[in-house]
Amino acid sequence: MTKTSFIEVCLYEVRPDRTEEFEMLIKKVLKHHQEFPGVKDVRYLKRTYRPVSFSGAKRAEPAIKLTRKPQSVTYVLCWELDNPAVHAKATQSGLKHFFKEFARCLIKPPKIILGERIN
């Protein structure tokens, strides 16, 4: 039996006027999560491109840089932990320290996807 990791992917819709504040916040959150026992990896991504289309991808066309002023800016958290219990404790700790700052930046609650790593 192979041991699998627990994964969370979280999508944040951030107010455009709060992106700088949000990016400073995720630096603190990143440090907090990286130092938490049982956390294997933590990464954040800011959406800055979009695909041309599915048929464009089949033709190997490069992604298109976003240029319009957005109604929201999308950020993605992807982190890997030892198991669901570690995830619960790390999430609780993160919310305890950073919830108010996050809430101030977000347009709506984040979309959270949880599951196991496929090896």
N, C-alpha and C. Protein backbone atom coordinates (compact mmCIF):
# COMPACT_ATOMS: atom_id res chain seq x y z
N MET A 1 0.84 -1.19 0.00
CA MET A 1 0.00 0.00 0.00
C MET A 1 0.89 1.25 0.00
N THR A 2 0.71 2.11 -0.99
CA THR A 2 1.51 3.33 -1.05
C THR A 2 0.79 4.46 -0.31
N LYS A 3 1.59 5.24 0.36
CA LYS A 3 1.04 6.37 1.10
C LYS A 3 0.84 7.53 0.12
N THR A 4 -0.36 8.09 0.11
CA THR A 4 -0.64 9.22 -0.77
C THR A 4 -0.67 10.51 0.02
N SER A 5 -0.38 11.59 -0.65
CA SER A 5 -0.43 12.92 -0.03
C SER A 5 -1.83 13.50 -0.17
N PHE A 6 -2.13 14.45 0.69
CA PHE A 6 -3.40 15.17 0.65
C PHE A 6 -3.14 16.51 -0.04
N ILE A 7 -4.00 16.86 -0.98
CA ILE A 7 -3.81 18.06 -1.80
C ILE A 7 -5.00 19.00 -1.64
N GLU A 8 -4.69 20.31 -1.57
CA GLU A 8 -5.74 21.33 -1.66
C GLU A 8 -5.38 22.27 -2.80
N VAL A 9 -6.37 22.52 -3.64
CA VAL A 9 -6.27 23.56 -4.66
C VAL A 9 -7.35 24.57 -4.31
N CYS A 10 -6.96 25.81 -4.20
CA CYS A 10 -7.89 26.84 -3.75
C CYS A 10 -7.85 28.01 -4.74
N LEU A 11 -9.02 28.41 -5.23
CA LEU A 11 -9.12 29.51 -6.19
C LEU A 11 -9.64 30.76 -5.48
N TYR A 12 -8.88 31.82 -5.57
CA TYR A 12 -9.24 33.09 -4.94
C TYR A 12 -9.58 34.12 -6.01
N GLU A 13 -10.70 34.81 -5.85
CA GLU A 13 -11.06 35.94 -6.71
C GLU A 13 -10.82 37.21 -5.89
N VAL A 14 -9.79 37.95 -6.28
CA VAL A 14 -9.33 39.09 -5.50
C VAL A 14 -9.78 40.40 -6.15
N ARG A 15 -10.13 41.35 -5.31
CA ARG A 15 -10.50 42.69 -5.80
C ARG A 15 -9.28 43.30 -6.49
N PRO A 16 -9.46 43.86 -7.69
CA PRO A 16 -8.31 44.42 -8.43
C PRO A 16 -7.54 45.47 -7.64
N ASP A 17 -8.21 46.24 -6.80
CA ASP A 17 -7.52 47.27 -6.03
C ASP A 17 -6.84 46.70 -4.78
N ARG A 18 -6.93 45.40 -4.58
CA ARG A 18 -6.31 44.76 -3.41
C ARG A 18 -5.22 43.75 -3.78
N THR A 19 -4.81 43.71 -5.05
CA THR A 19 -3.85 42.69 -5.46
C THR A 19 -2.49 42.85 -4.78
N GLU A 20 -2.04 44.07 -4.63
CA GLU A 20 -0.75 44.29 -3.97
C GLU A 20 -0.81 43.81 -2.52
N GLU A 21 -1.88 44.18 -1.84
CA GLU A 21 -2.08 43.74 -0.45
C GLU A 21 -2.16 42.21 -0.38
N PHE A 22 -2.88 41.60 -1.32
CA PHE A 22 -3.04 40.15 -1.34
C PHE A 22 -1.69 39.46 -1.57
N GLU A 23 -0.89 39.99 -2.47
CA GLU A 23 0.41 39.38 -2.76
C GLU A 23 1.36 39.49 -1.57
N MET A 24 1.29 40.56 -0.82
CA MET A 24 2.08 40.68 0.40
C MET A 24 1.59 39.67 1.44
N LEU A 25 0.28 39.51 1.53
CA LEU A 25 -0.31 38.56 2.46
C LEU A 25 0.10 37.13 2.13
N ILE A 26 0.05 36.75 0.85
CA ILE A 26 0.37 35.35 0.53
C ILE A 26 1.86 35.04 0.77
N LYS A 27 2.70 36.05 0.77
CA LYS A 27 4.11 35.81 1.15
C LYS A 27 4.19 35.39 2.61
N LYS A 28 3.40 36.03 3.47
CA LYS A 28 3.36 35.65 4.89
C LYS A 28 2.73 34.27 5.06
N VAL A 29 1.65 34.02 4.33
CA VAL A 29 0.96 32.73 4.41
C VAL A 29 1.88 31.61 3.91
N LEU A 30 2.58 31.86 2.83
CA LEU A 30 3.52 30.88 2.28
C LEU A 30 4.56 30.48 3.32
N LYS A 31 5.15 31.47 3.97
CA LYS A 31 6.14 31.20 5.02
C LYS A 31 5.51 30.38 6.15
N HIS A 32 4.32 30.77 6.58
CA HIS A 32 3.61 30.05 7.64
C HIS A 32 3.38 28.59 7.25
N HIS A 33 2.85 28.37 6.06
CA HIS A 33 2.55 27.01 5.62
C HIS A 33 3.81 26.18 5.43
N GLN A 34 4.86 26.77 4.87
CA GLN A 34 6.10 26.01 4.63
C GLN A 34 6.73 25.53 5.93
N GLU A 35 6.54 26.29 7.00
CA GLU A 35 7.13 25.94 8.28
C GLU A 35 6.24 25.01 9.11
N PHE A 36 5.02 24.75 8.65
CA PHE A 36 4.08 23.93 9.41
C PHE A 36 4.45 22.46 9.26
N PRO A 37 4.54 21.71 10.36
CA PRO A 37 4.89 20.28 10.28
C PRO A 37 3.89 19.50 9.43
N GLY A 38 4.39 18.69 8.51
CA GLY A 38 3.54 17.86 7.67
C GLY A 38 3.17 18.47 6.33
N VAL A 39 3.58 19.73 6.11
CA VAL A 39 3.35 20.37 4.81
C VAL A 39 4.53 20.04 3.91
N LYS A 40 4.24 19.48 2.74
CA LYS A 40 5.30 19.06 1.81
C LYS A 40 5.65 20.14 0.79
N ASP A 41 4.64 20.86 0.28
CA ASP A 41 4.89 21.86 -0.75
C ASP A 41 3.73 22.86 -0.76
N VAL A 42 4.05 24.11 -1.04
CA VAL A 42 3.05 25.17 -1.14
C VAL A 42 3.43 26.06 -2.32
N ARG A 43 2.46 26.31 -3.20
CA ARG A 43 2.71 27.19 -4.35
C ARG A 43 1.50 28.06 -4.61
N TYR A 44 1.77 29.29 -5.03
CA TYR A 44 0.72 30.21 -5.45
C TYR A 44 0.95 30.59 -6.91
N LEU A 45 -0.14 30.85 -7.61
CA LEU A 45 -0.10 31.23 -9.01
C LEU A 45 -1.05 32.40 -9.20
N LYS A 46 -0.64 33.37 -9.98
CA LYS A 46 -1.52 34.46 -10.38
C LYS A 46 -1.87 34.24 -11.84
N ARG A 47 -3.16 34.25 -12.15
CA ARG A 47 -3.59 34.03 -13.53
C ARG A 47 -3.25 35.28 -14.35
N THR A 48 -2.39 35.10 -15.35
CA THR A 48 -1.99 36.22 -16.21
C THR A 48 -2.16 35.89 -17.69
N TYR A 49 -2.52 34.66 -18.01
CA TYR A 49 -2.70 34.22 -19.39
C TYR A 49 -4.00 33.44 -19.50
N ARG A 50 -4.46 33.29 -20.74
CA ARG A 50 -5.59 32.41 -21.04
C ARG A 50 -5.25 31.62 -22.29
N PRO A 51 -5.85 30.44 -22.44
CA PRO A 51 -5.58 29.68 -23.66
C PRO A 51 -6.26 30.33 -24.86
N VAL A 52 -5.70 30.14 -26.04
CA VAL A 52 -6.31 30.63 -27.27
C VAL A 52 -7.66 29.95 -27.43
N SER A 53 -7.63 28.65 -27.50
CA SER A 53 -8.81 27.79 -27.59
C SER A 53 -8.29 26.36 -27.54
N PHE A 54 -9.20 25.42 -27.46
CA PHE A 54 -8.77 24.02 -27.45
C PHE A 54 -8.13 23.66 -28.79
N SER A 55 -8.74 24.11 -29.88
CA SER A 55 -8.15 23.80 -31.20
C SER A 55 -6.82 24.52 -31.36
N GLY A 56 -6.69 25.72 -30.78
CA GLY A 56 -5.41 26.43 -30.82
C GLY A 56 -4.33 25.67 -30.06
N ALA A 57 -4.71 25.07 -28.95
CA ALA A 57 -3.75 24.26 -28.19
C ALA A 57 -3.28 23.06 -29.01
N LYS A 58 -4.22 22.46 -29.75
CA LYS A 58 -3.84 21.32 -30.60
C LYS A 58 -2.87 21.75 -31.70
N ARG A 59 -2.94 23.04 -32.09
CA ARG A 59 -2.00 23.56 -33.10
C ARG A 59 -0.76 24.16 -32.46
N ALA A 60 -0.60 24.02 -31.16
CA ALA A 60 0.55 24.52 -30.40
C ALA A 60 0.65 26.05 -30.41
N GLU A 61 -0.51 26.72 -30.43
CA GLU A 61 -0.50 28.18 -30.35
C GLU A 61 -0.27 28.59 -28.90
N PRO A 62 0.59 29.58 -28.68
CA PRO A 62 0.88 29.99 -27.30
C PRO A 62 -0.32 30.68 -26.64
N ALA A 63 -0.32 30.65 -25.32
CA ALA A 63 -1.38 31.31 -24.55
C ALA A 63 -1.34 32.82 -24.79
N ILE A 64 -2.47 33.47 -24.50
CA ILE A 64 -2.62 34.91 -24.71
C ILE A 64 -2.51 35.62 -23.37
N LYS A 65 -1.67 36.64 -23.30
CA LYS A 65 -1.52 37.45 -22.07
C LYS A 65 -2.79 38.25 -21.84
N LEU A 66 -3.27 38.25 -20.60
CA LEU A 66 -4.45 39.03 -20.25
C LEU A 66 -4.09 40.52 -20.24
N THR A 67 -4.92 41.34 -20.87
CA THR A 67 -4.61 42.77 -20.96
C THR A 67 -5.73 43.67 -20.45
N ARG A 68 -6.96 43.22 -20.52
CA ARG A 68 -8.09 44.04 -20.06
C ARG A 68 -8.07 44.22 -18.56
N LYS A 69 -8.63 45.33 -18.11
CA LYS A 69 -8.76 45.54 -16.67
C LYS A 69 -9.80 44.54 -16.15
N PRO A 70 -9.39 43.67 -15.22
CA PRO A 70 -10.30 42.60 -14.78
C PRO A 70 -11.29 43.08 -13.72
N GLN A 71 -12.41 42.37 -13.63
CA GLN A 71 -13.35 42.61 -12.54
C GLN A 71 -12.83 41.95 -11.26
N SER A 72 -12.03 40.91 -11.44
CA SER A 72 -11.35 40.25 -10.32
C SER A 72 -10.06 39.64 -10.86
N VAL A 73 -9.11 39.43 -9.95
CA VAL A 73 -7.84 38.81 -10.31
C VAL A 73 -7.82 37.43 -9.64
N THR A 74 -7.55 36.41 -10.44
CA THR A 74 -7.58 35.04 -9.93
C THR A 74 -6.20 34.60 -9.46
N TYR A 75 -6.17 34.08 -8.26
CA TYR A 75 -4.97 33.47 -7.69
C TYR A 75 -5.31 32.02 -7.35
N VAL A 76 -4.31 31.16 -7.41
CA VAL A 76 -4.52 29.75 -7.10
C VAL A 76 -3.47 29.32 -6.08
N LEU A 77 -3.93 28.64 -5.05
CA LEU A 77 -3.05 28.00 -4.08
C LEU A 77 -3.07 26.51 -4.36
N CYS A 78 -1.91 25.89 -4.40
CA CYS A 78 -1.83 24.44 -4.50
C CYS A 78 -0.84 24.00 -3.43
N TRP A 79 -1.32 23.23 -2.48
CA TRP A 79 -0.40 22.73 -1.46
C TRP A 79 -0.61 21.27 -1.19
N GLU A 80 0.47 20.63 -0.78
CA GLU A 80 0.50 19.19 -0.57
C GLU A 80 0.91 18.94 0.87
N LEU A 81 0.14 18.08 1.53
CA LEU A 81 0.36 17.79 2.94
C LEU A 81 0.39 16.29 3.17
N ASP A 82 0.82 15.89 4.35
CA ASP A 82 0.92 14.46 4.65
C ASP A 82 -0.43 13.75 4.63
N ASN A 83 -1.46 14.39 5.19
CA ASN A 83 -2.76 13.72 5.32
C ASN A 83 -3.84 14.74 5.67
N PRO A 84 -5.12 14.33 5.69
CA PRO A 84 -6.21 15.26 6.00
C PRO A 84 -6.11 15.89 7.39
N ALA A 85 -5.58 15.16 8.37
CA ALA A 85 -5.45 15.71 9.72
C ALA A 85 -4.46 16.87 9.76
N VAL A 86 -3.35 16.73 9.07
CA VAL A 86 -2.37 17.82 8.98
C VAL A 86 -3.01 19.01 8.26
N HIS A 87 -3.75 18.73 7.18
CA HIS A 87 -4.43 19.79 6.45
C HIS A 87 -5.38 20.56 7.36
N ALA A 88 -6.15 19.85 8.16
CA ALA A 88 -7.11 20.50 9.06
C ALA A 88 -6.40 21.41 10.04
N LYS A 89 -5.31 20.95 10.63
CA LYS A 89 -4.57 21.76 11.61
C LYS A 89 -3.87 22.95 10.95
N ALA A 90 -3.29 22.73 9.77
CA ALA A 90 -2.62 23.82 9.06
C ALA A 90 -3.63 24.87 8.61
N THR A 91 -4.79 24.43 8.14
CA THR A 91 -5.83 25.36 7.72
C THR A 91 -6.34 26.16 8.91
N GLN A 92 -6.60 25.48 10.01
CA GLN A 92 -7.06 26.17 11.22
C GLN A 92 -6.05 27.24 11.65
N SER A 93 -4.79 26.89 11.65
CA SER A 93 -3.75 27.83 12.05
C SER A 93 -3.68 29.02 11.10
N GLY A 94 -3.75 28.73 9.79
CA GLY A 94 -3.72 29.80 8.80
C GLY A 94 -4.91 30.75 8.94
N LEU A 95 -6.08 30.19 9.15
CA LEU A 95 -7.29 31.02 9.32
C LEU A 95 -7.19 31.86 10.59
N LYS A 96 -6.66 31.28 11.64
CA LYS A 96 -6.50 32.00 12.90
C LYS A 96 -5.62 33.24 12.71
N HIS A 97 -4.56 33.08 11.94
CA HIS A 97 -3.61 34.18 11.76
C HIS A 97 -3.96 35.16 10.64
N PHE A 98 -4.64 34.69 9.58
CA PHE A 98 -4.77 35.51 8.37
C PHE A 98 -6.18 35.73 7.84
N PHE A 99 -7.21 35.19 8.49
CA PHE A 99 -8.56 35.24 7.93
C PHE A 99 -9.04 36.66 7.62
N LYS A 100 -8.89 37.58 8.56
CA LYS A 100 -9.40 38.94 8.35
C LYS A 100 -8.73 39.62 7.16
N GLU A 101 -7.42 39.42 7.03
CA GLU A 101 -6.70 40.01 5.89
C GLU A 101 -7.17 39.42 4.57
N PHE A 102 -7.39 38.10 4.55
CA PHE A 102 -7.90 37.45 3.33
C PHE A 102 -9.28 37.98 2.98
N ALA A 103 -10.16 38.00 3.96
CA ALA A 103 -11.54 38.41 3.72
C ALA A 103 -11.61 39.82 3.14
N ARG A 104 -10.73 40.69 3.55
CA ARG A 104 -10.71 42.07 3.06
C ARG A 104 -10.37 42.13 1.57
N CYS A 105 -9.61 41.18 1.08
CA CYS A 105 -9.14 41.20 -0.31
C CYS A 105 -10.06 40.47 -1.29
N LEU A 106 -10.87 39.54 -0.80
CA LEU A 106 -11.63 38.65 -1.68
C LEU A 106 -12.99 39.21 -2.07
N ILE A 107 -13.40 38.90 -3.29
CA ILE A 107 -14.73 39.27 -3.79
C ILE A 107 -15.78 38.29 -3.25
N LYS A 108 -15.40 37.02 -3.16
CA LYS A 108 -16.31 35.99 -2.67
C LYS A 108 -15.47 34.92 -1.99
N PRO A 109 -16.09 34.02 -1.24
CA PRO A 109 -15.32 32.95 -0.60
C PRO A 109 -14.56 32.12 -1.65
N PRO A 110 -13.39 31.63 -1.27
CA PRO A 110 -12.61 30.85 -2.23
C PRO A 110 -13.29 29.53 -2.58
N LYS A 111 -12.97 29.02 -3.77
CA LYS A 111 -13.42 27.69 -4.18
C LYS A 111 -12.30 26.73 -3.80
N ILE A 112 -12.65 25.71 -3.05
CA ILE A 112 -11.65 24.79 -2.51
C ILE A 112 -11.89 23.39 -3.06
N ILE A 113 -10.83 22.78 -3.56
CA ILE A 113 -10.88 21.42 -4.09
C ILE A 113 -9.89 20.59 -3.28
N LEU A 114 -10.36 19.50 -2.71
CA LEU A 114 -9.53 18.64 -1.86
C LEU A 114 -9.47 17.24 -2.43
N GLY A 115 -8.32 16.59 -2.27
CA GLY A 115 -8.21 15.22 -2.73
C GLY A 115 -6.85 14.62 -2.46
N GLU A 116 -6.65 13.44 -2.99
CA GLU A 116 -5.39 12.72 -2.81
C GLU A 116 -4.57 12.80 -4.08
N ARG A 117 -3.27 12.83 -3.88
CA ARG A 117 -2.34 12.83 -5.01
C ARG A 117 -2.40 11.48 -5.71
N ILE A 118 -2.38 11.50 -7.02
CA ILE A 118 -2.31 10.27 -7.80
C ILE A 118 -0.84 10.04 -8.12
N ASN A 119 -0.31 8.95 -7.65
CA ASN A 119 1.11 8.66 -7.88
C ASN A 119 1.33 7.90 -9.15
